[in-house]
Amino acid sequence: MMNFPEHLKIEDFDYPLPPERIAQFPLDIRDSSKLLIWKEGTINETAFSQVDHYIQENSILVFNDTKVIRARLIFTKSTGATIEIFCLEPVLPTAEIQGAFQQTGGCTWCCLVGNAKRWKDGNLRKEFLFHDHKYLLNAGKLEDAGDGHFLIQFSWEPASVTFSEILEISGRIPLPPYINRGDSVVDTLRYQTIYAKHEGSVAAPTAGLHFTEEVMKRLQGKNISFEKLALHVGVGTFRPVSAPILSDHVMHSEKIIVSSATIRNLLQHLNDPIVAVGTTSVRTLESLYWLGVKLLVGEKNKIPIVHQWDAYDEKYPHHFSTESALQAVEKHLDQQKLTTYSGSTQLMIVPGYKLRLVHAMITNFHMPQSTLLLLVAAFIGDDWKKVYKYAMDNGFRFLSYGDACLFFLNGSTICLK
C-alpha cells in the first residue's frame, strides 16, 4: 500500500530559477535542444536529435496528440479598456470538448477574464476580417463562478461558422505566464507539436515540441512503435502548489481520450519498454490503470473519472496487475460498445507513487513547487535535485520552450504484467 502523501511539504520541492534561465523563444530548429539523460543515478547529455540512440529497440513511445487552441480572445470596449477572455472548458450546449468546437451560432464556456473589473455589464463586441469576409463575435457575462472564473455566452455571425473556426481566426496563442512577451507568428507553429490532432489544450504538451519528422523516422527505424492518446492540458498546469502540506492541495482535473486500439496494443506489449512523451502521457497511462482497478472493484456505473487521491486510498487494492486493470478497461469499452475511453483525471503522482505502465519518460524542466516537479520526483526520487542542479550549472534552458530530459525508471520499481 502506498503511503498517503500527507507528510510531504511543498517547500521541499523548491529550487532557485533565475528569470533569465526561462526560455522566452523556441530554438530555430526543434530537435537542436539539449537532452539530459538520467539512468540509475548517472547523468549524461546530448542533443535531442540523438534521442533515438538512447531508446531501446521495440519500445513503445506514447505521445499526447492534443492540439493547443487559440484560447485568448481580446476585446476592446468603447471606453478603450481591454478585456481578455481566456476560454478554459465548454459548458453548454455540451461539455464534450470535440462537440463543443463544432457548435455553430453560439455556446457557453467557463473562462478566465482579465481586467474583469472594467467589464461591469453589457456584451462585448468584436468585429474582424478574415480573407475579406467580415465576422462578428459577441460575449456576454452570465455568472461569476468564483476564483476569477466566469460563465461566458458567445454568439457570432455568420452563424454557420463553428466555434473552432472563430477561435482559429480571432483568438491568440495562450503562451504560459512566465513567457514575458506577446504571442508572435513563430508561436503559431512552434507552440504546437508536429503531430497535434485533437483540439482542446490551453497549454502545449511541451516534451513533444522537440520532435521532428527526422527524429521520428529514426525511431521507427529501430522498430520503435508509436501510440497516441490525448490529455487536454488545462490552465491548472501552471499553478504552483499553494498549500504548505500536499494533502491540502486540490489537483486540477483534465480531460483524457484513449482509443480501445491503443489499450489493446499496450496489453500486447506490456513486456516491452513503454516510454511516455511528457508528464501528460504519464498521467493518462497511469490513470488507465486506476480506472481499471475501479472497474475491478465494482465501480461500473460511476462517472469515468480518476480522482486526486484514488491511488493512495485503501479502498482500492494495489495487488491488481497492470494486465488485469487494462483488460477491465478494454472489457468495459466493449460492453458499452465504445471505441474510445473519454473521461477525466485528477490523479496526482507524487513521491511514493509506484508507476504501473511507464518505464521511461521524456519531459522538460518544470517550475519549482509544481505538481509536474512532484511527478518527476516520483519518477527519479531525490535525484531530481541533482538533475536540476546539473542543468542549472550546464546551461540548460528551462520550462516550455526549454530543453528536455529522458528519465529511466530504476529496474527494481518497474511494474510489468
Protein backbone atom coordinates (compact mmCIF):
# COMPACT_ATOMS: atom_id res chain seq x y z
CA MET A 1 0.00 0.00 0.00
CA MET A 2 1.31 3.45 -0.86
CA ASN A 3 1.79 5.97 1.89
CA PHE A 4 -0.71 8.78 1.74
CA PRO A 5 1.42 11.82 0.92
CA GLU A 6 0.03 13.96 3.73
CA HIS A 7 3.51 14.36 5.18
CA LEU A 8 5.02 15.92 2.08
CA LYS A 9 5.84 19.61 2.27
CA ILE A 10 5.87 21.55 -0.96
CA GLU A 11 8.81 23.66 0.27
CA ASP A 12 10.95 20.52 -0.13
CA PHE A 13 10.37 20.69 -3.90
CA ASP A 14 11.80 24.11 -4.50
CA TYR A 15 14.89 25.27 -6.37
CA PRO A 16 16.22 28.67 -7.48
CA LEU A 17 15.12 29.55 -11.01
CA PRO A 18 16.51 32.90 -12.22
CA PRO A 19 14.20 34.55 -14.79
CA GLU A 20 16.99 34.62 -17.39
CA ARG A 21 17.05 30.79 -17.42
CA ILE A 22 13.43 30.58 -18.59
CA ALA A 23 13.40 30.19 -22.37
CA GLN A 24 11.39 33.02 -23.91
CA PHE A 25 11.59 31.78 -27.51
CA PRO A 26 11.96 28.38 -29.15
CA LEU A 27 15.25 27.47 -30.80
CA ASP A 28 15.36 27.82 -34.58
CA ILE A 29 15.33 24.04 -35.02
CA ARG A 30 13.10 21.87 -32.81
CA ASP A 31 15.49 18.97 -32.25
CA SER A 32 18.56 21.14 -31.61
CA SER A 33 17.55 21.48 -27.96
CA LYS A 34 19.72 19.81 -25.34
CA LEU A 35 18.76 16.46 -23.83
CA LEU A 36 19.70 15.42 -20.30
CA ILE A 37 19.68 11.65 -19.73
CA TRP A 38 19.29 10.21 -16.23
CA LYS A 39 19.58 6.49 -15.66
CA GLU A 40 20.19 4.79 -12.31
CA GLY A 41 21.79 7.88 -10.84
CA THR A 42 24.06 8.72 -13.78
CA ILE A 43 23.64 11.92 -15.80
CA ASN A 44 24.68 12.40 -19.41
CA GLU A 45 23.77 14.99 -22.02
CA THR A 46 23.45 15.17 -25.78
CA ALA A 47 21.34 16.91 -28.42
CA PHE A 48 17.68 15.93 -28.65
CA SER A 49 18.27 14.94 -32.27
CA GLN A 50 20.19 11.95 -30.87
CA VAL A 51 17.36 10.69 -28.65
CA ASP A 52 16.95 7.56 -30.78
CA HIS A 53 20.39 6.37 -29.59
CA TYR A 54 19.08 6.10 -26.03
CA ILE A 55 15.74 4.37 -26.53
CA GLN A 56 15.73 0.60 -26.74
CA GLU A 57 14.55 -1.25 -29.83
CA ASN A 58 10.95 -2.49 -29.70
CA SER A 59 9.97 0.24 -27.26
CA ILE A 60 6.60 1.95 -27.48
CA LEU A 61 6.59 5.74 -27.46
CA VAL A 62 3.30 7.18 -26.22
CA PHE A 63 2.53 10.71 -27.45
CA ASN A 64 -0.12 13.18 -26.34
CA ASP A 65 -1.64 14.42 -29.60
CA THR A 66 -3.74 17.17 -28.06
CA LYS A 67 -3.83 20.42 -30.01
CA VAL A 68 -3.45 23.85 -28.43
CA ILE A 69 -6.42 26.09 -29.16
CA ARG A 70 -6.17 29.84 -29.70
CA ALA A 71 -7.91 30.31 -26.39
CA ARG A 72 -7.27 34.04 -25.72
CA LEU A 73 -9.89 36.44 -27.06
CA ILE A 74 -9.12 40.17 -26.81
CA PHE A 75 -11.98 42.68 -26.75
CA THR A 76 -11.72 46.48 -26.63
CA LYS A 77 -14.57 48.39 -25.02
CA SER A 78 -15.78 51.75 -26.32
CA THR A 79 -14.03 53.30 -23.31
CA GLY A 80 -10.72 51.90 -24.56
CA ALA A 81 -10.46 49.29 -21.81
CA THR A 82 -9.07 45.94 -22.95
CA ILE A 83 -10.80 42.79 -21.71
CA GLU A 84 -9.19 39.39 -22.23
CA ILE A 85 -11.33 36.26 -22.17
CA PHE A 86 -9.38 33.01 -21.77
CA CYS A 87 -11.52 30.02 -22.81
CA LEU A 88 -10.99 27.08 -20.45
CA GLU A 89 -13.71 24.48 -20.94
CA PRO A 90 -17.12 24.18 -22.59
CA VAL A 91 -20.34 24.15 -20.57
CA LEU A 92 -23.34 24.43 -22.96
CA PRO A 93 -24.85 23.05 -25.11
CA THR A 94 -22.27 20.31 -24.48
CA ALA A 95 -19.32 19.82 -22.17
CA GLU A 96 -17.80 17.28 -24.56
CA ILE A 97 -14.77 19.04 -25.94
CA GLN A 98 -14.83 17.95 -29.58
CA GLY A 99 -18.56 18.54 -29.87
CA ALA A 100 -18.15 21.99 -28.31
CA PHE A 101 -15.75 23.08 -31.01
CA GLN A 102 -18.25 22.13 -33.69
CA GLN A 103 -21.05 24.29 -32.26
CA THR A 104 -22.41 26.93 -34.64
CA GLY A 105 -24.02 30.24 -33.79
CA GLY A 106 -23.43 30.22 -30.04
CA CYS A 107 -22.12 28.39 -26.98
CA THR A 108 -21.21 28.88 -23.31
CA TRP A 109 -17.75 28.34 -21.84
CA CYS A 110 -16.11 28.67 -18.46
CA CYS A 111 -13.43 31.34 -18.88
CA LEU A 112 -10.89 33.41 -17.06
CA VAL A 113 -11.47 37.13 -17.54
CA GLY A 114 -8.64 39.59 -17.42
CA ASN A 115 -9.48 43.14 -16.32
CA ALA A 116 -12.93 41.89 -15.24
CA LYS A 117 -13.48 44.95 -13.02
CA ARG A 118 -13.70 47.09 -16.15
CA TRP A 119 -16.50 44.90 -17.53
CA LYS A 120 -19.44 45.92 -15.40
CA ASP A 121 -22.32 44.98 -17.69
CA GLY A 122 -23.40 44.62 -21.29
CA ASN A 123 -21.97 42.46 -24.04
CA LEU A 124 -18.52 42.75 -25.53
CA ARG A 125 -18.36 43.01 -29.30
CA LYS A 126 -15.55 42.24 -31.69
CA GLU A 127 -15.53 42.67 -35.47
CA PHE A 128 -12.75 41.29 -37.64
CA LEU A 129 -11.93 40.46 -41.23
CA PHE A 130 -10.51 37.19 -42.47
CA HIS A 131 -9.90 36.50 -46.16
CA ASP A 132 -12.08 39.51 -46.99
CA HIS A 133 -15.01 38.09 -45.00
CA LYS A 134 -16.49 40.02 -42.09
CA TYR A 135 -17.10 38.30 -38.75
CA LEU A 136 -18.80 39.47 -35.56
CA LEU A 137 -18.24 37.93 -32.12
CA ASN A 138 -20.29 38.83 -29.03
CA ALA A 139 -19.52 37.83 -25.45
CA GLY A 140 -21.92 38.09 -22.54
CA LYS A 141 -21.04 37.52 -18.87
CA LEU A 142 -23.60 35.11 -17.41
CA GLU A 143 -22.30 34.12 -14.00
CA ASP A 144 -19.35 34.61 -11.67
CA ALA A 145 -18.08 31.09 -10.96
CA GLY A 146 -15.52 32.28 -8.42
CA ASP A 147 -11.72 32.37 -8.38
CA GLY A 148 -11.64 34.60 -11.44
CA HIS A 149 -13.77 32.20 -13.50
CA PHE A 150 -16.92 33.28 -15.31
CA LEU A 151 -19.51 31.60 -17.49
CA ILE A 152 -19.38 33.43 -20.82
CA GLN A 153 -22.01 33.12 -23.52
CA PHE A 154 -20.65 33.58 -27.02
CA SER A 155 -22.59 34.27 -30.19
CA TRP A 156 -21.28 35.08 -33.64
CA GLU A 157 -22.06 35.84 -37.24
CA PRO A 158 -22.13 34.23 -39.68
CA ALA A 159 -23.87 31.64 -37.52
CA SER A 160 -22.83 28.81 -39.86
CA VAL A 161 -19.20 29.10 -38.71
CA THR A 162 -18.04 26.71 -35.96
CA PHE A 163 -16.59 27.89 -32.66
CA SER A 164 -13.35 26.17 -33.63
CA GLU A 165 -13.13 28.41 -36.68
CA ILE A 166 -13.95 31.51 -34.62
CA LEU A 167 -11.08 30.75 -32.23
CA GLU A 168 -8.72 29.95 -35.07
CA ILE A 169 -9.25 33.25 -36.88
CA SER A 170 -9.75 35.61 -33.92
CA GLY A 171 -8.03 34.01 -30.93
CA ARG A 172 -4.44 34.35 -29.69
CA ILE A 173 -1.94 31.64 -28.72
CA PRO A 174 -2.13 31.09 -24.92
CA LEU A 175 1.55 31.33 -24.03
CA PRO A 176 2.43 30.45 -20.42
CA PRO A 177 2.51 33.33 -17.91
CA TYR A 178 6.28 33.00 -17.45
CA ILE A 179 6.90 33.87 -21.11
CA ASN A 180 7.08 37.63 -20.77
CA ARG A 181 6.04 38.72 -24.25
CA GLY A 182 3.07 38.72 -26.57
CA ASP A 183 2.49 35.81 -28.90
CA SER A 184 4.01 36.06 -32.38
CA VAL A 185 3.81 34.28 -35.72
CA VAL A 186 6.52 31.83 -34.68
CA ASP A 187 4.38 30.61 -31.77
CA THR A 188 1.57 29.58 -34.10
CA LEU A 189 3.84 26.84 -35.41
CA ARG A 190 6.24 26.18 -32.56
CA TYR A 191 3.86 26.14 -29.57
CA GLN A 192 2.31 23.06 -31.15
CA THR A 193 3.66 19.55 -31.69
CA ILE A 194 4.05 18.33 -35.26
CA TYR A 195 1.53 15.55 -34.54
CA ALA A 196 -1.13 17.67 -32.78
CA LYS A 197 -4.61 16.50 -33.73
CA HIS A 198 -7.35 16.79 -31.09
CA GLU A 199 -8.26 20.37 -30.17
CA GLY A 200 -8.66 21.11 -26.50
CA SER A 201 -5.49 22.25 -24.70
CA VAL A 202 -4.72 25.73 -23.43
CA ALA A 203 -1.07 24.77 -22.99
CA ALA A 204 1.24 22.65 -25.10
CA PRO A 205 2.43 19.20 -24.01
CA THR A 206 5.93 20.62 -24.15
CA ALA A 207 8.01 17.42 -24.21
CA GLY A 208 6.62 16.80 -27.69
CA LEU A 209 7.78 20.16 -29.03
CA HIS A 210 11.29 18.76 -29.63
CA PHE A 211 10.21 16.04 -32.06
CA THR A 212 10.78 16.43 -35.80
CA GLU A 213 9.85 14.17 -38.70
CA GLU A 214 13.52 13.16 -38.98
CA VAL A 215 13.72 12.11 -35.33
CA MET A 216 10.51 10.11 -35.62
CA LYS A 217 11.75 8.32 -38.76
CA ARG A 218 14.96 7.30 -37.00
CA LEU A 219 12.96 5.98 -34.05
CA GLN A 220 10.77 3.93 -36.36
CA GLY A 221 13.94 2.61 -37.99
CA LYS A 222 14.75 0.94 -34.65
CA ASN A 223 11.38 -0.83 -34.66
CA ILE A 224 10.06 1.61 -32.08
CA SER A 225 6.31 1.97 -32.42
CA PHE A 226 4.13 4.97 -31.64
CA GLU A 227 0.84 5.22 -29.79
CA LYS A 228 -1.27 8.35 -29.45
CA LEU A 229 -3.63 9.44 -26.71
CA ALA A 230 -4.91 12.83 -25.61
CA LEU A 231 -4.85 14.73 -22.36
CA HIS A 232 -6.17 18.24 -22.85
CA VAL A 233 -3.85 20.40 -20.78
CA GLY A 234 -5.65 22.92 -18.58
CA VAL A 235 -4.50 26.23 -17.14
CA GLY A 236 -4.08 24.50 -13.78
CA THR A 237 -0.82 23.02 -15.02
CA PHE A 238 0.82 26.44 -14.47
CA ARG A 239 -0.39 26.88 -10.92
CA PRO A 240 2.13 26.22 -8.15
CA VAL A 241 1.04 24.18 -5.16
CA SER A 242 -0.19 26.82 -2.73
CA ALA A 243 -0.87 24.61 0.30
CA PRO A 244 2.15 24.05 2.59
CA ILE A 245 1.18 20.37 3.08
CA LEU A 246 0.47 18.40 -0.04
CA SER A 247 -2.67 16.73 1.29
CA ASP A 248 -4.34 20.17 1.34
CA HIS A 249 -3.72 20.84 -2.36
CA VAL A 250 -6.60 20.41 -4.83
CA MET A 251 -5.31 18.92 -8.06
CA HIS A 252 -6.76 20.25 -11.31
CA SER A 253 -8.79 17.89 -13.48
CA GLU A 254 -8.04 17.34 -17.16
CA LYS A 255 -9.88 15.57 -19.98
CA ILE A 256 -8.34 12.38 -21.37
CA ILE A 257 -9.12 10.40 -24.52
CA VAL A 258 -7.69 6.93 -25.23
CA SER A 259 -8.78 4.63 -28.05
CA SER A 260 -9.58 0.98 -27.42
CA ALA A 261 -7.00 0.13 -30.11
CA THR A 262 -4.28 1.83 -28.06
CA ILE A 263 -5.34 -0.08 -24.95
CA ARG A 264 -5.21 -3.38 -26.87
CA ASN A 265 -1.77 -2.57 -28.20
CA LEU A 266 -0.48 -1.72 -24.74
CA LEU A 267 -1.83 -5.04 -23.48
CA GLN A 268 0.00 -6.89 -26.21
CA HIS A 269 3.32 -5.17 -25.41
CA LEU A 270 3.45 -4.99 -21.63
CA ASN A 271 6.85 -6.71 -21.65
CA ASP A 272 8.30 -4.04 -23.96
CA PRO A 273 9.57 -0.69 -22.63
CA ILE A 274 6.87 1.97 -22.61
CA VAL A 275 8.26 5.50 -22.98
CA ALA A 276 5.86 8.32 -22.16
CA VAL A 277 6.44 11.58 -24.03
CA GLY A 278 5.55 14.17 -21.40
CA THR A 279 4.07 14.21 -17.93
CA THR A 280 0.63 14.37 -19.55
CA SER A 281 1.18 10.98 -21.18
CA VAL A 282 2.39 9.59 -17.85
CA ARG A 283 -0.74 10.82 -16.07
CA THR A 284 -3.01 9.40 -18.77
CA LEU A 285 -1.36 5.98 -18.84
CA GLU A 286 -1.31 5.67 -15.06
CA SER A 287 -4.93 6.86 -14.90
CA LEU A 288 -5.90 3.95 -17.14
CA TYR A 289 -4.55 1.57 -14.51
CA TRP A 290 -6.60 3.15 -11.72
CA LEU A 291 -9.68 3.29 -13.90
CA GLY A 292 -9.24 -0.47 -14.40
CA VAL A 293 -8.87 -1.00 -10.64
CA LYS A 294 -12.09 0.92 -10.00
CA LEU A 295 -13.88 -1.27 -12.54
CA LEU A 296 -12.45 -4.42 -10.95
CA VAL A 297 -13.80 -3.48 -7.51
CA GLY A 298 -17.26 -2.95 -8.95
CA GLU A 299 -17.48 0.77 -9.75
CA LYS A 300 -19.05 0.09 -13.13
CA ASN A 301 -21.78 2.71 -13.08
CA LYS A 302 -19.78 5.69 -11.86
CA ILE A 303 -18.74 8.68 -13.93
CA PRO A 304 -15.44 7.68 -15.60
CA ILE A 305 -13.02 9.79 -13.62
CA VAL A 306 -9.87 9.12 -11.62
CA HIS A 307 -9.79 11.32 -8.54
CA GLN A 308 -6.79 13.01 -6.97
CA TRP A 309 -6.06 10.50 -4.21
CA ASP A 310 -7.53 7.28 -5.66
CA ALA A 311 -4.06 5.77 -5.99
CA TYR A 312 -3.49 6.25 -2.25
CA ASP A 313 -6.92 5.19 -1.00
CA GLU A 314 -7.10 1.93 0.95
CA LYS A 315 -10.42 1.01 -0.66
CA TYR A 316 -8.63 0.43 -3.97
CA PRO A 317 -6.43 -2.69 -3.77
CA HIS A 318 -2.92 -2.40 -5.18
CA HIS A 319 -2.43 -6.09 -5.96
CA PHE A 320 -4.16 -5.97 -9.36
CA SER A 321 -1.71 -6.44 -12.21
CA THR A 322 -1.33 -3.91 -15.00
CA GLU A 323 -2.64 -6.54 -17.37
CA SER A 324 -5.84 -7.21 -15.41
CA ALA A 325 -6.52 -3.48 -15.00
CA LEU A 326 -6.16 -2.73 -18.71
CA GLN A 327 -8.25 -5.80 -19.57
CA ALA A 328 -11.00 -4.42 -17.33
CA VAL A 329 -10.96 -1.12 -19.21
CA GLU A 330 -10.97 -2.93 -22.55
CA LYS A 331 -13.90 -5.11 -21.45
CA HIS A 332 -15.82 -2.08 -20.21
CA LEU A 333 -15.44 -0.33 -23.56
CA ASP A 334 -16.54 -3.46 -25.42
CA GLN A 335 -19.62 -3.84 -23.21
CA GLN A 336 -20.53 -0.21 -23.76
CA LYS A 337 -19.84 -0.56 -27.50
CA LEU A 338 -17.31 2.27 -27.31
CA THR A 339 -14.18 2.62 -29.39
CA THR A 340 -12.72 5.33 -27.16
CA TYR A 341 -12.41 5.97 -23.45
CA SER A 342 -13.30 9.58 -22.81
CA GLY A 343 -13.26 10.87 -19.25
CA SER A 344 -11.11 12.93 -16.95
CA THR A 345 -8.30 12.50 -14.48
CA GLN A 346 -7.35 14.33 -11.34
CA LEU A 347 -4.60 11.81 -10.49
CA MET A 348 -1.73 13.32 -8.53
CA ILE A 349 1.56 11.46 -8.92
CA VAL A 350 3.93 12.28 -6.08
CA PRO A 351 6.93 10.66 -4.35
CA GLY A 352 5.88 7.24 -3.07
CA TYR A 353 3.72 6.52 -6.11
CA LYS A 354 4.51 3.23 -7.89
CA LEU A 355 4.49 3.50 -11.69
CA ARG A 356 2.39 0.79 -13.33
CA LEU A 357 2.83 1.27 -17.06
CA VAL A 358 5.63 3.72 -17.73
CA HIS A 359 9.29 2.66 -17.86
CA ALA A 360 10.84 5.87 -19.17
CA MET A 361 9.74 9.46 -19.63
CA ILE A 362 10.72 12.36 -21.86
CA THR A 363 9.93 15.70 -20.28
CA ASN A 364 11.04 19.33 -19.97
CA PHE A 365 12.27 21.12 -16.85
CA HIS A 366 9.42 22.26 -14.64
CA MET A 367 8.54 25.11 -12.30
CA PRO A 368 9.60 24.98 -8.64
CA GLN A 369 6.90 23.74 -6.24
CA SER A 370 4.73 22.46 -9.10
CA THR A 371 2.76 19.23 -9.45
CA LEU A 372 4.89 18.48 -12.53
CA LEU A 373 8.08 18.61 -10.48
CA LEU A 374 6.43 16.32 -7.93
CA LEU A 375 5.79 13.83 -10.73
CA VAL A 376 9.47 13.97 -11.70
CA ALA A 377 10.41 13.36 -8.06
CA ALA A 378 8.08 10.35 -8.02
CA PHE A 379 9.92 9.04 -11.09
CA ILE A 380 13.58 9.50 -10.09
CA GLY A 381 13.41 10.19 -6.36
CA ASP A 382 15.63 12.74 -4.65
CA ASP A 383 17.91 12.71 -7.69
CA TRP A 384 15.63 15.38 -9.14
CA LYS A 385 17.74 17.83 -7.12
CA LYS A 386 20.95 16.56 -8.69
CA VAL A 387 19.41 16.68 -12.16
CA TYR A 388 18.18 20.25 -11.79
CA LYS A 389 21.47 21.44 -10.32
CA TYR A 390 23.33 19.83 -13.22
CA ALA A 391 21.00 21.53 -15.68
CA MET A 392 21.46 24.88 -13.98
CA ASP A 393 25.25 24.50 -13.91
CA ASN A 394 25.48 23.40 -17.54
CA GLY A 395 23.45 25.96 -19.42
CA PHE A 396 20.17 24.11 -19.92
CA ARG A 397 17.11 26.20 -20.81
CA PHE A 398 14.02 25.82 -18.61
CA LEU A 399 10.24 25.41 -18.95
CA SER A 400 8.01 25.26 -22.05
CA TYR A 401 10.46 26.39 -24.75
CA GLY A 402 13.43 24.97 -22.87
CA ASP A 403 15.46 21.77 -23.12
CA ALA A 404 14.44 18.17 -22.48
CA CYS A 405 15.16 15.26 -20.15
CA LEU A 406 15.00 11.49 -20.64
CA PHE A 407 14.46 9.63 -17.37
CA PHE A 408 14.60 5.84 -16.97
CA LEU A 409 12.74 4.21 -14.11
CA ASN A 410 15.00 2.11 -11.90
CA GLY A 411 14.60 -1.54 -12.84
CA SER A 412 13.60 -2.58 -9.34
CA THR A 413 10.46 -0.40 -9.44
CA ILE A 414 9.20 -1.24 -12.94
CA CYS A 415 5.85 -2.98 -12.67
CA LEU A 416 5.30 -5.37 -15.58
CA LYS A 417 2.45 -7.80 -16.02
